[in-house]
Protein backbone atom coordinates (compact mmCIF):
# COMPACT_ATOMS: atom_id res chain seq x y z
CA MET A 1 7.73 18.75 24.66
CA PHE A 2 6.63 16.30 21.98
CA PRO A 3 5.84 12.91 23.53
CA GLY A 4 6.56 10.00 21.23
CA TYR A 5 8.99 11.88 18.99
CA LEU A 6 12.75 11.58 18.88
CA PHE A 7 14.82 14.11 16.97
CA VAL A 8 17.91 12.66 15.33
CA ARG A 9 20.80 14.74 14.06
CA ASP A 10 23.06 12.47 12.02
CA VAL A 11 24.32 11.81 8.54
CA LEU A 12 22.15 8.83 7.72
CA THR A 13 24.18 6.60 5.47
CA ASP A 14 22.51 3.32 4.55
CA PRO A 15 24.10 1.42 7.47
CA ARG A 16 23.20 4.22 9.96
CA TYR A 17 19.64 4.37 8.61
CA SER A 18 19.29 0.59 8.99
CA GLU A 19 20.55 0.89 12.55
CA LEU A 20 17.99 3.62 13.24
CA LEU A 21 15.15 1.52 11.82
CA ALA A 22 16.14 -1.32 14.15
CA ALA A 23 15.66 0.86 17.25
CA ARG A 24 13.26 -0.72 19.74
CA GLY A 25 9.89 1.05 19.83
CA LEU A 26 10.38 2.95 16.57
CA VAL A 27 7.12 3.17 14.67
CA CYS A 28 8.24 5.17 11.65
CA VAL A 29 10.69 7.76 10.37
CA LEU A 30 8.96 10.84 9.02
CA ASN A 31 9.44 11.69 5.37
CA ASN A 32 8.37 14.59 3.22
CA GLY A 33 5.99 12.56 1.05
CA ASP A 34 8.36 11.74 -1.80
CA GLY A 35 10.31 9.10 0.11
CA ASN A 36 13.07 11.42 1.27
CA LEU A 37 13.66 11.85 4.98
CA ALA A 38 12.05 14.93 6.47
CA GLU A 39 14.19 17.55 8.13
CA VAL A 40 13.10 19.90 10.87
CA PRO A 41 14.48 23.36 10.03
CA GLU A 42 17.30 24.44 12.33
CA THR A 43 15.35 27.60 13.24
CA GLU A 44 12.50 25.47 14.65
CA ILE A 45 14.93 23.28 16.62
CA ALA A 46 16.69 26.40 17.96
CA ALA A 47 13.36 27.91 19.04
CA ILE A 48 12.34 24.76 20.93
CA ARG A 49 15.80 24.48 22.48
CA SER A 50 15.58 28.12 23.66
CA LEU A 51 12.17 27.45 25.19
CA VAL A 52 13.43 24.36 27.04
CA GLN A 53 16.47 26.23 28.37
CA SER A 54 14.33 29.19 29.48
CA ASN A 55 12.40 27.08 32.04
CA LEU A 56 9.25 29.00 31.08
CA PRO A 57 6.03 27.03 31.48
CA ALA A 58 4.87 25.59 28.17
CA VAL A 59 1.87 23.48 27.33
CA PRO A 60 0.91 21.55 24.19
CA HIS A 61 -1.11 23.62 21.74
CA PRO A 62 -3.11 22.48 18.73
CA TYR A 63 -1.32 22.94 15.41
CA LEU A 64 -3.75 25.24 13.65
CA HIS A 65 -3.47 27.61 10.70
CA ALA A 66 -5.68 30.24 9.12
CA GLY A 67 -8.17 28.75 6.69
CA GLN A 68 -8.41 25.46 8.57
CA ARG A 69 -11.74 23.99 9.69
CA VAL A 70 -11.75 23.66 13.49
CA ARG A 71 -14.04 22.47 16.28
CA ILE A 72 -14.28 24.18 19.67
CA VAL A 73 -13.87 21.59 22.45
CA SER A 74 -15.20 23.42 25.50
CA GLY A 75 -16.90 26.59 26.69
CA PRO A 76 -20.05 28.19 25.35
CA LEU A 77 -19.19 27.22 21.76
CA ALA A 78 -18.34 23.57 22.55
CA ASP A 79 -18.79 21.31 19.49
CA VAL A 80 -19.23 24.27 17.13
CA GLU A 81 -17.26 23.94 13.89
CA GLY A 82 -16.10 26.76 11.67
CA ILE A 83 -13.17 28.13 9.72
CA LEU A 84 -10.25 29.73 11.56
CA VAL A 85 -9.48 32.83 9.50
CA ASP A 86 -7.06 34.76 11.69
CA GLN A 87 -4.79 33.69 14.50
CA GLN A 88 -2.71 35.91 16.74
CA ALA A 89 -1.14 34.48 19.89
CA SER A 90 -3.86 32.33 21.44
CA LYS A 91 -6.80 34.21 19.93
CA GLY A 92 -8.33 33.67 16.54
CA MET A 93 -11.36 34.57 14.49
CA LEU A 94 -13.77 31.69 13.92
CA VAL A 95 -16.10 32.07 10.95
CA LEU A 96 -19.46 30.30 11.01
CA SER A 97 -21.32 30.14 7.71
CA VAL A 98 -24.78 29.37 6.41
CA HIS A 99 -24.00 28.17 2.90
CA LEU A 100 -27.62 28.12 1.70
CA PHE A 101 -27.82 31.92 1.68
CA GLN A 102 -24.08 32.58 1.62
CA ARG A 103 -23.71 34.55 4.84
CA SER A 104 -21.13 34.28 7.60
CA VAL A 105 -20.46 35.64 11.06
CA ALA A 106 -17.13 35.82 12.88
CA VAL A 107 -16.36 35.50 16.57
CA GLU A 108 -13.10 35.77 18.47
CA VAL A 109 -12.18 32.46 20.12
CA ASP A 110 -9.45 31.12 22.36
CA CYS A 111 -7.39 28.93 20.02
CA THR A 112 -6.39 26.66 22.90
CA LEU A 113 -10.00 25.45 22.83
CA ALA A 114 -9.88 24.62 19.11
CA VAL A 115 -8.86 21.37 17.44
CA ALA A 116 -8.74 20.43 13.78
CA ALA A 117 -12.17 19.25 12.64
C-alpha cells in the first residue's frame, strides 16, 4: 500500500527506540514537528487494514485537500495549475484565476490526474 513505509506498533522505550533506529535501511522515523514521535490514528490504520483484507483493487492516489494548489498531469488540461476547491470521491473543482483583474473560472477535474504543485 505505501512502499517504503513500515508501521510500528510498540511502546518505544529508549532501548527499543535505539534498536529501531539501528534497523538496516531505515532512513528516518516520522515525528510531528516538535521532536515527538508521530502516531497514525487507529481509525486510519483500521481503514487501511479493512481495505487490505477486502481484496478490493486499490491504487495509489495523490494526497490532496481543498485549497491546495495542484497541477494536472495528463489529459486536455495537462500542465495547467490551479487551486483545488472541492473534492468528492475522485472528482474535484479546479479554480483557474487571472489575478490582474481578479476573476476566476472553475472546472470539474479527475483528481487522479492532479498532483501537488
